[in-house]
C-alpha cells in the first residue's frame, strides 16, 4: 500500500495574492499590454487575465497570442480596480466609477467579480436599511420625549 499525503503551504488565499501582487503593473514576464482609452499602457499577464475573464479566454483560444489588449472606451479608473481584483483578490475604487467598472466587467465577462460586486451591494444595502431603521427608532424616541 502506498501512503499519500497533502502539503498545504497556507490554507488561505493570502499566499496567492501576495505572490501575484509582485506582478501587478510589473513588466517582468508580462506577455501583453492593456491600452486604455486615455492611452495608459499596463503590462499584464494573459494567464491571470484569462483566469478571470471568459472573453479573454475565448480570444486567446482563437488567437493564441494577444500582444495588446485595447480597452477602447474604458479609462484607467475602470481598468485598475479590475486588475487589482485579478491579481490581488480585492478591489477598491471611488463610488463615482462604479458604473464604469461594472460596465467593463460585463464586457470582459468577469463572472466572479460581478458576483462579488452584487454581494457587496447587497450587504451595503442591508447596512443602509439597518441604519435607516435605527434613525427611525431614534427619531421616534426623540419625539416621544419632546
N, C-alpha and C. Protein backbone atom coordinates (compact mmCIF):
# COMPACT_ATOMS: atom_id res chain seq x y z
N UNK A 1 0.83 -1.19 0.00
CA UNK A 1 0.00 0.00 0.00
C UNK A 1 0.87 1.25 0.00
N UNK A 2 0.50 2.23 -0.82
CA UNK A 2 1.23 3.48 -0.90
C UNK A 2 0.52 4.53 -0.06
N UNK A 3 1.31 5.20 0.76
CA UNK A 3 0.73 6.27 1.57
C UNK A 3 0.70 7.55 0.75
N UNK A 4 -0.29 8.34 0.97
CA UNK A 4 -0.35 9.64 0.33
C UNK A 4 -0.40 10.71 1.40
N UNK A 5 0.02 11.88 1.06
CA UNK A 5 -0.04 12.99 1.99
C UNK A 5 -0.35 14.26 1.24
N UNK A 6 -0.78 15.25 1.97
CA UNK A 6 -1.09 16.55 1.40
C UNK A 6 -0.23 17.60 2.08
N UNK A 7 0.37 18.45 1.29
CA UNK A 7 1.16 19.54 1.80
C UNK A 7 0.49 20.83 1.39
N UNK A 8 0.12 21.63 2.36
CA UNK A 8 -0.52 22.92 2.08
C UNK A 8 0.37 24.01 2.65
N UNK A 9 0.79 24.91 1.77
CA UNK A 9 1.67 25.99 2.20
C UNK A 9 0.94 26.92 3.16
N UNK A 10 -0.19 27.43 2.72
CA UNK A 10 -1.06 28.27 3.55
C UNK A 10 -2.48 27.92 3.19
N UNK A 11 -3.35 27.89 4.16
CA UNK A 11 -4.72 27.47 3.89
C UNK A 11 -5.61 28.59 3.38
N UNK A 12 -5.11 29.81 3.38
CA UNK A 12 -5.93 30.90 2.86
C UNK A 12 -5.33 31.44 1.57
N UNK A 13 -6.02 32.36 0.96
CA UNK A 13 -5.59 32.87 -0.35
C UNK A 13 -4.54 33.97 -0.25
N UNK A 14 -4.12 34.33 0.96
CA UNK A 14 -3.16 35.44 1.09
C UNK A 14 -1.83 35.09 0.42
N UNK A 15 -1.46 33.82 0.42
CA UNK A 15 -0.22 33.42 -0.24
C UNK A 15 -0.27 33.74 -1.73
N UNK A 16 -1.40 33.40 -2.37
CA UNK A 16 -1.52 33.64 -3.80
C UNK A 16 -1.59 35.12 -4.11
N UNK A 17 -2.36 35.87 -3.32
CA UNK A 17 -2.46 37.30 -3.60
C UNK A 17 -1.12 38.00 -3.37
N UNK A 18 -0.35 37.57 -2.36
CA UNK A 18 0.95 38.20 -2.16
C UNK A 18 1.92 37.82 -3.27
N UNK A 19 1.79 36.61 -3.79
CA UNK A 19 2.63 36.19 -4.91
C UNK A 19 2.31 36.98 -6.16
N UNK A 20 1.02 37.07 -6.49
CA UNK A 20 0.63 37.77 -7.72
C UNK A 20 0.77 39.28 -7.60
N UNK A 21 0.77 39.81 -6.39
CA UNK A 21 0.92 41.25 -6.23
C UNK A 21 2.27 41.72 -6.77
N UNK A 22 3.27 40.84 -6.76
CA UNK A 22 4.58 41.19 -7.30
C UNK A 22 4.53 41.43 -8.81
N UNK A 23 3.50 40.92 -9.47
CA UNK A 23 3.40 41.03 -10.92
C UNK A 23 2.45 42.13 -11.39
N UNK A 24 1.64 42.67 -10.47
CA UNK A 24 0.70 43.73 -10.84
C UNK A 24 1.48 44.97 -11.30
N UNK A 25 1.21 45.41 -12.51
CA UNK A 25 1.85 46.58 -13.14
C UNK A 25 3.35 46.36 -13.39
N UNK A 26 3.80 45.13 -13.33
CA UNK A 26 5.21 44.82 -13.49
C UNK A 26 5.44 44.20 -14.87
N UNK A 27 6.33 44.76 -15.66
CA UNK A 27 6.57 44.20 -16.99
C UNK A 27 7.31 42.86 -16.97
N UNK A 28 7.87 42.48 -15.82
CA UNK A 28 8.60 41.22 -15.74
C UNK A 28 7.69 40.05 -16.09
N UNK A 29 8.07 39.30 -17.08
CA UNK A 29 7.33 38.13 -17.57
C UNK A 29 5.95 38.47 -18.14
N UNK A 30 5.66 39.75 -18.33
CA UNK A 30 4.36 40.09 -18.92
C UNK A 30 4.35 39.67 -20.39
N UNK A 31 3.17 39.29 -20.87
CA UNK A 31 3.07 38.85 -22.26
C UNK A 31 2.02 39.63 -23.03
N UNK A 32 1.47 40.66 -22.40
CA UNK A 32 0.53 41.53 -23.09
C UNK A 32 0.56 42.91 -22.45
N UNK A 33 0.01 43.88 -23.15
CA UNK A 33 -0.12 45.24 -22.63
C UNK A 33 -1.57 45.67 -22.83
N UNK A 34 -2.17 46.15 -21.76
CA UNK A 34 -3.52 46.71 -21.85
C UNK A 34 -3.38 48.19 -22.14
N UNK A 35 -4.08 48.65 -23.18
CA UNK A 35 -4.04 50.07 -23.55
C UNK A 35 -5.44 50.64 -23.29
N UNK A 36 -5.51 51.65 -22.43
CA UNK A 36 -6.79 52.24 -22.06
C UNK A 36 -7.17 53.36 -23.01
N UNK A 37 -8.41 53.79 -22.89
CA UNK A 37 -8.93 54.90 -23.72
C UNK A 37 -8.07 56.15 -23.55
N UNK A 38 -7.60 56.38 -22.32
CA UNK A 38 -6.79 57.57 -22.05
C UNK A 38 -5.29 57.30 -22.23
N UNK A 39 -4.96 56.28 -23.03
CA UNK A 39 -3.60 55.98 -23.51
C UNK A 39 -2.62 55.46 -22.46
N UNK A 40 -3.10 54.98 -21.34
CA UNK A 40 -2.21 54.32 -20.39
C UNK A 40 -1.88 52.94 -20.93
N UNK A 41 -0.64 52.50 -20.69
CA UNK A 41 -0.20 51.17 -21.10
C UNK A 41 0.16 50.38 -19.85
N UNK A 42 -0.53 49.27 -19.64
CA UNK A 42 -0.36 48.48 -18.42
C UNK A 42 0.14 47.08 -18.78
N UNK A 43 1.38 46.75 -18.39
CA UNK A 43 1.87 45.40 -18.65
C UNK A 43 1.05 44.40 -17.84
N UNK A 44 0.69 43.28 -18.49
CA UNK A 44 -0.18 42.30 -17.84
C UNK A 44 0.23 40.89 -18.24
N UNK A 45 -0.43 39.92 -17.63
CA UNK A 45 -0.12 38.51 -17.82
C UNK A 45 -1.38 37.78 -18.25
N UNK A 46 -1.35 37.23 -19.45
CA UNK A 46 -2.55 36.62 -20.02
C UNK A 46 -3.14 35.51 -19.16
N UNK A 47 -2.29 34.72 -18.51
CA UNK A 47 -2.86 33.63 -17.71
C UNK A 47 -3.69 34.16 -16.55
N UNK A 48 -3.31 35.29 -15.98
CA UNK A 48 -4.11 35.88 -14.89
C UNK A 48 -5.38 36.50 -15.46
N UNK A 49 -5.26 37.22 -16.57
CA UNK A 49 -6.44 37.82 -17.19
C UNK A 49 -7.44 36.74 -17.62
N UNK A 50 -6.93 35.68 -18.23
CA UNK A 50 -7.80 34.60 -18.70
C UNK A 50 -8.47 33.85 -17.55
N UNK A 51 -7.81 33.79 -16.41
CA UNK A 51 -8.40 33.10 -15.26
C UNK A 51 -9.66 33.81 -14.76
N UNK A 52 -9.78 35.10 -15.06
CA UNK A 52 -10.91 35.90 -14.55
C UNK A 52 -11.88 36.37 -15.62
N UNK A 53 -11.50 36.27 -16.88
CA UNK A 53 -12.34 36.83 -17.95
C UNK A 53 -12.65 35.78 -19.00
N UNK A 54 -13.91 35.44 -19.13
CA UNK A 54 -14.34 34.49 -20.17
C UNK A 54 -14.03 35.02 -21.56
N UNK A 55 -14.20 36.31 -21.76
CA UNK A 55 -13.93 36.90 -23.07
C UNK A 55 -12.46 36.75 -23.45
N UNK A 56 -11.57 37.07 -22.53
CA UNK A 56 -10.14 36.96 -22.83
C UNK A 56 -9.75 35.49 -23.07
N UNK A 57 -10.34 34.57 -22.30
CA UNK A 57 -10.09 33.14 -22.55
C UNK A 57 -10.47 32.76 -23.97
N UNK A 58 -11.65 33.21 -24.41
CA UNK A 58 -12.12 32.90 -25.77
C UNK A 58 -11.19 33.50 -26.83
N UNK A 59 -10.77 34.75 -26.61
CA UNK A 59 -9.89 35.40 -27.57
C UNK A 59 -8.54 34.70 -27.65
N UNK A 60 -8.01 34.28 -26.52
CA UNK A 60 -6.74 33.56 -26.52
C UNK A 60 -6.88 32.24 -27.25
N UNK A 61 -7.98 31.54 -27.03
CA UNK A 61 -8.22 30.26 -27.70
C UNK A 61 -8.24 30.42 -29.21
N UNK A 62 -8.76 31.55 -29.67
CA UNK A 62 -8.83 31.82 -31.11
C UNK A 62 -7.50 32.27 -31.69
N UNK A 63 -6.72 33.02 -30.92
CA UNK A 63 -5.53 33.67 -31.46
C UNK A 63 -4.21 33.17 -30.89
N UNK A 64 -4.22 32.53 -29.76
CA UNK A 64 -3.02 32.06 -29.05
C UNK A 64 -2.17 33.18 -28.47
N UNK A 65 -2.17 34.33 -29.05
CA UNK A 65 -1.32 35.42 -28.59
C UNK A 65 -2.09 36.73 -28.70
N UNK A 66 -1.91 37.56 -27.73
CA UNK A 66 -2.52 38.89 -27.74
C UNK A 66 -1.50 39.86 -27.17
N UNK A 67 -0.70 40.45 -28.02
CA UNK A 67 0.36 41.35 -27.56
C UNK A 67 -0.20 42.64 -26.97
N UNK A 68 -1.37 43.06 -27.48
CA UNK A 68 -2.02 44.27 -26.97
C UNK A 68 -3.50 43.99 -26.80
N UNK A 69 -4.03 44.50 -25.71
CA UNK A 69 -5.48 44.44 -25.49
C UNK A 69 -5.96 45.88 -25.42
N UNK A 70 -6.70 46.29 -26.43
CA UNK A 70 -7.19 47.67 -26.48
C UNK A 70 -8.50 47.76 -25.72
N UNK A 71 -8.52 48.58 -24.71
CA UNK A 71 -9.72 48.82 -23.91
C UNK A 71 -10.38 50.09 -24.41
N UNK A 72 -10.83 50.05 -25.65
CA UNK A 72 -11.46 51.22 -26.26
C UNK A 72 -12.69 51.60 -25.44
N UNK A 73 -12.78 52.87 -25.12
CA UNK A 73 -13.93 53.35 -24.38
C UNK A 73 -13.84 53.14 -22.88
N UNK A 74 -12.70 52.61 -22.38
CA UNK A 74 -12.58 52.36 -20.95
C UNK A 74 -11.33 53.05 -20.41
N UNK A 75 -11.56 53.93 -19.45
CA UNK A 75 -10.48 54.72 -18.86
C UNK A 75 -9.76 53.94 -17.77
N UNK A 76 -8.61 54.45 -17.40
CA UNK A 76 -7.76 53.80 -16.39
C UNK A 76 -8.51 53.56 -15.08
N UNK A 77 -9.42 54.49 -14.70
CA UNK A 77 -10.14 54.36 -13.43
C UNK A 77 -11.04 53.12 -13.39
N UNK A 78 -11.44 52.62 -14.55
CA UNK A 78 -12.25 51.41 -14.60
C UNK A 78 -11.38 50.16 -14.72
N UNK A 79 -10.22 50.29 -15.33
CA UNK A 79 -9.34 49.14 -15.56
C UNK A 79 -8.60 48.73 -14.29
N UNK A 80 -8.07 49.69 -13.57
CA UNK A 80 -7.24 49.40 -12.39
C UNK A 80 -7.97 48.54 -11.35
N UNK A 81 -9.21 48.86 -10.94
CA UNK A 81 -9.88 48.01 -9.95
C UNK A 81 -10.04 46.57 -10.42
N UNK A 82 -10.29 46.38 -11.71
CA UNK A 82 -10.44 45.02 -12.22
C UNK A 82 -9.12 44.27 -12.18
N UNK A 83 -8.04 44.94 -12.53
CA UNK A 83 -6.72 44.30 -12.45
C UNK A 83 -6.36 43.98 -11.00
N UNK A 84 -6.67 44.89 -10.09
CA UNK A 84 -6.41 44.63 -8.68
C UNK A 84 -7.17 43.40 -8.20
N UNK A 85 -8.41 43.27 -8.66
CA UNK A 85 -9.19 42.09 -8.29
C UNK A 85 -8.54 40.82 -8.85
N UNK A 86 -8.10 40.88 -10.10
CA UNK A 86 -7.50 39.71 -10.73
C UNK A 86 -6.20 39.29 -10.04
N UNK A 87 -5.36 40.26 -9.73
CA UNK A 87 -4.04 39.95 -9.18
C UNK A 87 -4.04 39.81 -7.65
N UNK A 88 -4.92 40.55 -6.97
CA UNK A 88 -4.88 40.60 -5.51
C UNK A 88 -6.08 39.96 -4.82
N UNK A 89 -7.15 39.75 -5.59
CA UNK A 89 -8.35 39.18 -5.00
C UNK A 89 -9.19 40.20 -4.25
N UNK A 90 -8.89 41.47 -4.43
CA UNK A 90 -9.68 42.53 -3.79
C UNK A 90 -9.68 43.74 -4.71
N UNK A 91 -10.60 44.63 -4.45
CA UNK A 91 -10.67 45.83 -5.28
C UNK A 91 -11.15 46.98 -4.45
N UNK A 92 -10.72 48.16 -4.86
CA UNK A 92 -11.12 49.39 -4.17
C UNK A 92 -11.16 50.50 -5.20
N UNK A 93 -12.26 51.24 -5.21
CA UNK A 93 -12.37 52.35 -6.14
C UNK A 93 -13.40 53.32 -5.62
N UNK A 94 -13.34 54.53 -6.14
CA UNK A 94 -14.29 55.55 -5.73
C UNK A 94 -15.65 55.22 -6.32
N UNK A 95 -16.69 55.43 -5.55
CA UNK A 95 -18.04 55.04 -5.97
C UNK A 95 -18.49 55.74 -7.25
N UNK A 96 -17.92 56.89 -7.55
CA UNK A 96 -18.30 57.59 -8.79
C UNK A 96 -17.90 56.80 -10.04
N UNK A 97 -16.99 55.83 -9.89
CA UNK A 97 -16.57 55.00 -11.03
C UNK A 97 -17.28 53.65 -11.08
N UNK A 98 -18.21 53.42 -10.18
CA UNK A 98 -18.86 52.12 -10.07
C UNK A 98 -19.45 51.64 -11.39
N UNK A 99 -20.20 52.49 -12.06
CA UNK A 99 -20.85 52.06 -13.31
C UNK A 99 -19.83 51.77 -14.41
N UNK A 100 -18.75 52.56 -14.46
CA UNK A 100 -17.71 52.30 -15.45
C UNK A 100 -17.02 50.97 -15.19
N UNK A 101 -16.75 50.68 -13.93
CA UNK A 101 -16.11 49.42 -13.56
C UNK A 101 -17.05 48.25 -13.87
N UNK A 102 -18.32 48.39 -13.49
CA UNK A 102 -19.30 47.33 -13.74
C UNK A 102 -19.45 47.08 -15.25
N UNK A 103 -19.51 48.14 -16.03
CA UNK A 103 -19.67 48.01 -17.48
C UNK A 103 -18.50 47.24 -18.09
N UNK A 104 -17.28 47.58 -17.69
CA UNK A 104 -16.10 46.89 -18.21
C UNK A 104 -16.09 45.42 -17.76
N UNK A 105 -16.46 45.17 -16.51
CA UNK A 105 -16.52 43.79 -16.02
C UNK A 105 -17.53 42.98 -16.82
N UNK A 106 -18.62 43.59 -17.20
CA UNK A 106 -19.62 42.91 -18.05
C UNK A 106 -19.06 42.62 -19.43
N UNK A 107 -18.38 43.59 -20.01
CA UNK A 107 -17.78 43.40 -21.34
C UNK A 107 -16.77 42.26 -21.30
N UNK A 108 -15.95 42.23 -20.26
CA UNK A 108 -14.91 41.20 -20.14
C UNK A 108 -15.46 39.86 -19.65
N UNK A 109 -16.73 39.85 -19.29
CA UNK A 109 -17.39 38.63 -18.78
C UNK A 109 -16.66 38.10 -17.54
N UNK A 110 -16.49 38.98 -16.56
CA UNK A 110 -15.82 38.63 -15.30
C UNK A 110 -16.87 38.21 -14.28
N UNK A 111 -17.32 36.97 -14.37
CA UNK A 111 -18.42 36.49 -13.56
C UNK A 111 -18.15 36.58 -12.06
N UNK A 112 -16.96 36.17 -11.62
CA UNK A 112 -16.65 36.18 -10.19
C UNK A 112 -16.65 37.61 -9.65
N UNK A 113 -16.04 38.53 -10.39
CA UNK A 113 -16.03 39.93 -9.96
C UNK A 113 -17.45 40.46 -9.83
N UNK A 114 -18.28 40.18 -10.82
CA UNK A 114 -19.66 40.67 -10.79
C UNK A 114 -20.45 40.06 -9.63
N UNK A 115 -20.21 38.79 -9.33
CA UNK A 115 -20.86 38.17 -8.16
C UNK A 115 -20.42 38.84 -6.87
N UNK A 116 -19.13 39.11 -6.76
CA UNK A 116 -18.61 39.79 -5.56
C UNK A 116 -19.20 41.19 -5.43
N UNK A 117 -19.33 41.88 -6.54
CA UNK A 117 -19.89 43.22 -6.54
C UNK A 117 -21.36 43.20 -6.10
N UNK A 118 -22.12 42.24 -6.61
CA UNK A 118 -23.53 42.10 -6.23
C UNK A 118 -23.64 41.81 -4.74
N UNK A 119 -22.79 40.92 -4.23
CA UNK A 119 -22.81 40.59 -2.80
C UNK A 119 -22.45 41.80 -1.96
N UNK A 120 -21.45 42.55 -2.39
CA UNK A 120 -21.06 43.77 -1.67
C UNK A 120 -22.22 44.76 -1.62
N UNK A 121 -22.89 44.93 -2.75
CA UNK A 121 -24.02 45.87 -2.80
C UNK A 121 -25.17 45.38 -1.92
N UNK A 122 -25.40 44.06 -1.89
CA UNK A 122 -26.46 43.51 -1.04
C UNK A 122 -26.17 43.79 0.43
N UNK A 123 -24.93 43.57 0.84
CA UNK A 123 -24.55 43.83 2.23
C UNK A 123 -24.63 45.32 2.53
N UNK A 124 -24.16 46.16 1.61
CA UNK A 124 -24.23 47.61 1.81
C UNK A 124 -25.67 48.08 1.98
N UNK A 125 -26.57 47.52 1.16
CA UNK A 125 -27.98 47.89 1.27
C UNK A 125 -28.58 47.46 2.60
N UNK A 126 -28.17 46.28 3.10
CA UNK A 126 -28.66 45.83 4.39
C UNK A 126 -28.19 46.76 5.50
N UNK A 127 -26.93 47.19 5.42
CA UNK A 127 -26.40 48.12 6.42
C UNK A 127 -27.15 49.44 6.35
N UNK A 128 -27.40 49.94 5.13
CA UNK A 128 -28.15 51.19 4.98
C UNK A 128 -29.55 51.06 5.55
N UNK A 129 -30.20 49.91 5.29
CA UNK A 129 -31.55 49.69 5.83
C UNK A 129 -31.53 49.66 7.35
N UNK A 130 -30.53 49.01 7.94
CA UNK A 130 -30.42 48.96 9.40
C UNK A 130 -30.17 50.35 9.96
N UNK A 131 -29.30 51.13 9.29
CA UNK A 131 -29.04 52.50 9.75
C UNK A 131 -30.31 53.34 9.67
N UNK A 132 -31.08 53.17 8.60
CA UNK A 132 -32.34 53.90 8.46
C UNK A 132 -33.31 53.49 9.56
N UNK A 133 -33.39 52.18 9.84
CA UNK A 133 -34.25 51.69 10.92
C UNK A 133 -33.83 52.31 12.25
N UNK A 134 -32.52 52.37 12.50
CA UNK A 134 -32.02 52.95 13.74
C UNK A 134 -32.38 54.43 13.83
N UNK A 135 -32.23 55.13 12.71
CA UNK A 135 -32.58 56.55 12.69
C UNK A 135 -34.07 56.74 12.95
N UNK A 136 -34.92 55.89 12.37
CA UNK A 136 -36.37 55.98 12.59
C UNK A 136 -36.71 55.74 14.06
N UNK A 137 -36.06 54.74 14.66
CA UNK A 137 -36.30 54.45 16.08
C UNK A 137 -35.85 55.62 16.93
N UNK A 138 -34.67 56.15 16.60
CA UNK A 138 -34.13 57.28 17.36
C UNK A 138 -35.04 58.50 17.22
N UNK A 139 -35.53 58.77 16.00
CA UNK A 139 -36.43 59.90 15.79
C UNK A 139 -37.72 59.70 16.56
N UNK A 140 -38.25 58.49 16.58
CA UNK A 140 -39.48 58.20 17.34
C UNK A 140 -39.24 58.41 18.82
N UNK A 141 -38.07 57.95 19.29
CA UNK A 141 -37.72 58.10 20.69
C UNK A 141 -37.61 59.57 21.06
N UNK A 142 -36.94 60.35 20.20
CA UNK A 142 -36.77 61.79 20.47
C UNK A 142 -38.11 62.51 20.48
N UNK A 143 -39.01 62.13 19.57
CA UNK A 143 -40.32 62.76 19.52
C UNK A 143 -41.14 62.44 20.77
N UNK A 144 -40.99 61.23 21.26
CA UNK A 144 -41.77 60.83 22.43
C UNK A 144 -41.32 61.58 23.68
N UNK A 145 -40.10 62.08 23.68
CA UNK A 145 -39.59 62.81 24.84
C UNK A 145 -39.72 64.31 24.69
N UNK A 146 -40.20 64.79 23.54
CA UNK A 146 -40.31 66.24 23.42
C UNK A 146 -41.64 66.75 23.88
